[in-house]
Protein backbone atom coordinates (compact mmCIF):
# COMPACT_ATOMS: atom_id res chain seq x y z
CA MET A 1 233.85 240.86 127.19
CA GLY A 2 231.78 238.75 129.61
CA TRP A 3 231.39 234.55 129.49
CA ARG A 4 227.64 235.09 128.15
CA THR A 5 228.91 237.09 124.88
CA THR A 6 231.64 234.35 124.55
CA LEU A 7 229.05 231.63 124.90
CA VAL A 8 226.86 233.17 122.44
CA LEU A 9 229.54 233.86 119.82
CA VAL A 10 230.62 230.06 120.34
CA ALA A 11 227.01 228.84 119.93
CA MET A 12 226.69 231.24 116.82
CA VAL A 13 230.33 229.61 115.30
CA ALA A 14 228.91 226.36 116.10
CA ALA A 15 225.77 226.90 114.25
CA LEU A 16 227.21 228.25 110.88
CA GLY A 17 229.73 225.38 111.15
CA LEU A 18 226.95 222.88 111.21
CA PHE A 19 225.15 224.48 108.38
CA LEU A 20 227.85 224.75 106.45
CA TRP A 21 228.49 220.72 107.06
CA VAL A 22 224.99 220.00 106.42
CA GLU A 23 224.65 222.61 103.01
CA GLY A 24 228.06 222.70 101.70
CA PRO A 25 229.53 225.60 99.91
CA PRO A 26 227.24 227.70 97.67
CA LYS A 27 227.46 226.14 93.72
CA PRO A 28 228.57 228.85 91.36
CA GLU A 29 226.14 229.90 88.61
CA ILE A 30 227.26 228.90 85.30
CA PRO A 31 225.24 230.37 82.34
CA GLU A 32 223.89 228.01 79.96
CA ASN A 33 224.64 229.77 76.97
CA GLY A 34 227.50 232.78 75.76
CA PRO A 35 230.90 232.72 76.13
CA ASN A 36 233.27 232.23 79.40
CA LEU A 37 234.60 235.19 81.08
CA LEU A 38 237.29 235.59 78.72
CA GLY A 39 234.90 235.79 75.85
CA GLU A 40 235.68 232.25 74.45
CA PRO A 41 233.30 229.76 73.31
CA LYS A 42 232.09 227.25 75.88
CA LEU A 43 233.13 223.94 75.66
CA ARG A 44 230.03 221.37 74.80
CA ASP A 45 228.59 219.27 77.84
CA PRO A 46 230.31 216.25 77.55
CA SER A 47 226.84 214.01 77.96
CA LYS A 48 225.16 215.86 75.01
CA PHE A 49 227.29 214.06 72.51
CA VAL A 50 226.66 216.00 69.00
CA PRO A 51 228.31 214.07 65.89
CA LEU A 52 230.84 216.31 63.64
CA ILE A 53 229.31 215.10 60.64
CA ALA A 54 226.09 212.84 61.10
CA PHE A 55 225.82 209.98 58.28
CA ASP A 56 225.19 206.14 57.87
CA ALA A 57 228.47 204.85 57.15
CA ALA A 58 226.38 201.49 55.21
CA ALA A 59 224.74 204.24 53.02
CA VAL A 60 228.03 205.94 51.87
CA THR A 61 228.52 204.81 48.00
CA ARG A 62 231.40 206.88 47.36
CA ILE A 63 234.67 208.42 48.86
CA HIS A 64 236.62 211.10 47.71
CA ILE A 65 239.72 212.29 49.73
CA ARG A 66 242.18 214.92 49.37
CA HIS A 67 244.90 214.95 51.99
CA GLY A 68 248.78 215.56 52.38
CA GLY A 69 248.78 215.78 48.44
CA ASN A 70 247.20 212.49 47.98
CA GLU A 71 243.99 211.78 46.60
CA LEU A 72 242.12 208.82 46.95
CA THR A 73 238.32 207.89 44.98
CA ALA A 74 236.59 204.61 46.14
CA GLU A 75 233.09 203.18 44.82
CA ARG A 76 231.45 200.65 46.77
CA GLU A 77 230.25 197.63 45.01
CA SER A 78 228.35 194.54 45.98
CA GLU A 79 231.73 192.61 47.16
CA GLY A 80 233.51 195.91 48.71
CA TRP A 81 235.41 199.13 47.66
CA LYS A 82 236.68 199.51 44.32
CA THR A 83 240.02 201.17 45.00
CA SER A 84 243.77 200.40 45.69
CA ARG A 85 243.16 200.37 49.18
CA PRO A 86 241.49 197.51 51.29
CA SER A 87 238.16 197.81 51.92
CA ALA A 88 238.29 196.92 55.68
CA SER A 89 240.52 200.03 55.60
CA LEU A 90 237.88 202.42 54.30
CA ASP A 91 234.86 200.93 56.41
CA SER A 92 236.72 201.28 59.44
CA PHE A 93 237.53 204.93 58.31
CA LEU A 94 233.99 205.69 57.81
CA ARG A 95 233.03 204.00 61.16
CA ASN A 96 235.60 205.81 63.15
CA LEU A 97 234.51 209.40 61.28
CA GLY A 98 231.04 208.67 62.43
CA ASP A 99 232.12 208.61 65.94
CA LEU A 100 234.16 211.90 65.95
CA GLY A 101 232.24 214.63 68.01
CA ARG A 102 232.14 218.21 67.85
CA ILE A 103 234.17 220.34 70.78
CA ILE A 104 233.56 223.67 69.91
CA GLU A 105 231.96 225.90 67.27
CA ILE A 106 233.41 229.03 66.08
CA PRO A 107 231.41 231.59 64.05
CA ALA A 108 232.82 231.67 60.83
CA ASN A 109 233.88 234.97 58.51
CA ALA A 110 236.42 235.13 55.41
CA GLU A 111 238.98 236.13 57.91
CA ALA A 112 238.17 233.01 60.52
CA LEU A 113 238.52 230.93 57.54
CA LYS A 114 242.36 232.20 56.74
CA ASP A 115 243.27 232.09 60.66
CA TYR A 116 241.96 228.35 60.75
CA GLY A 117 243.23 227.48 57.67
CA LEU A 118 240.20 226.69 55.98
CA ASP A 119 240.42 228.91 53.56
CA GLN A 120 242.50 226.66 51.64
CA PRO A 121 241.97 222.91 53.34
CA LYS A 122 244.54 220.76 54.07
CA SER A 123 242.05 217.95 53.59
CA VAL A 124 238.74 217.49 52.14
CA VAL A 125 236.37 214.52 52.58
CA GLU A 126 233.56 214.14 50.34
CA LEU A 127 231.10 211.58 51.23
CA THR A 128 228.22 210.48 48.45
CA MET A 129 225.02 208.92 49.60
CA SER A 130 222.91 206.61 48.43
CA ALA A 131 219.26 207.49 47.22
CA GLY A 132 220.68 210.77 45.33
CA LYS A 133 221.47 212.62 48.59
CA ALA A 134 223.70 215.75 48.24
CA PRO A 135 227.25 214.53 49.27
CA VAL A 136 228.76 215.65 52.85
CA ILE A 137 231.68 217.69 52.76
CA LEU A 138 234.00 217.76 55.50
CA GLU A 139 237.19 220.12 55.46
CA LEU A 140 240.22 220.04 57.41
CA GLY A 141 242.28 222.97 58.23
CA ASN A 142 244.88 223.97 60.70
CA GLN A 143 245.37 221.74 64.17
CA ASN A 144 244.62 223.96 67.41
CA PRO A 145 247.80 225.39 68.96
CA ALA A 146 248.20 222.24 71.40
CA ALA A 147 247.85 219.53 68.69
CA THR A 148 244.56 218.29 70.19
CA GLY A 149 241.83 218.76 67.81
CA VAL A 150 242.03 219.92 64.06
CA TYR A 151 239.54 222.97 62.92
CA THR A 152 236.97 221.42 60.44
CA ARG A 153 234.00 222.92 58.54
CA VAL A 154 231.02 220.84 56.97
CA ASP A 155 229.48 221.20 53.76
CA ARG A 156 231.63 224.39 52.78
CA ALA A 157 228.93 226.53 55.19
CA GLY A 158 228.15 227.27 58.85
CA PRO A 159 230.58 227.66 61.80
CA ILE A 160 234.22 226.28 62.06
CA ILE A 161 234.22 223.02 64.22
CA LEU A 162 237.15 222.25 66.55
CA ALA A 163 237.10 218.39 66.34
CA GLY A 164 239.25 215.91 68.04
CA ALA A 165 242.82 215.34 65.99
CA LEU A 166 241.89 212.13 65.34
CA ALA A 167 240.40 213.14 62.38
CA THR A 168 243.66 214.03 60.82
CA TRP A 169 245.20 210.59 62.63
CA GLU A 170 242.19 208.77 60.60
CA LEU A 171 243.54 210.32 57.22
CA ASP A 172 246.92 209.67 57.74
CA LYS A 173 246.26 206.16 58.79
CA LEU A 174 244.18 205.39 55.69
CA PHE A 175 246.97 206.79 53.44
CA ARG A 176 249.83 204.84 55.12
CA VAL A 177 248.12 201.25 54.31
CA PRO A 178 250.11 200.49 51.57
CA ALA A 179 248.22 199.74 48.23
CA ASP A 180 249.31 196.16 47.52
CA GLN A 181 247.40 195.02 50.89
CA ALA A 182 244.14 195.50 48.85
CA ALA A 183 241.41 193.00 49.36
């Protein structure tokens, strides 16, 4: 190999290096819809927040919760909530519940409900709205294996939704407030 061939090869490598430096490496194509390579549902784009349940906390007139062997019913009155719990804790619970988002959706069938603990939910939250609207029902099942999320279902229909474990934490927090601290 002569000096001319070597010079041509060095020029080609320099041109390729300059091209890669300016353009950068090619970006992999990621399909918008469908499962990932392992066949699992894809995580949602975090910039596109979808609430777990869409509701106006101020429009809730009645709350009925069954959680961990406990039950709570509260009715909203003009001066606050009629219940053994502090009104502030119920208002906080509703605000935080409204801030929970959907992480992934999993198609639901009878076998899947059992697998995710939703055939007999561990917790049920029923929110009755003003103006005669149908109540919003949120069922909570098992936690995911990493205990960072909880499997949920809205209105006893539709897909199974993985939501943050804060949903269960908020329920635990609500029932930890002593009844004698009622406002």
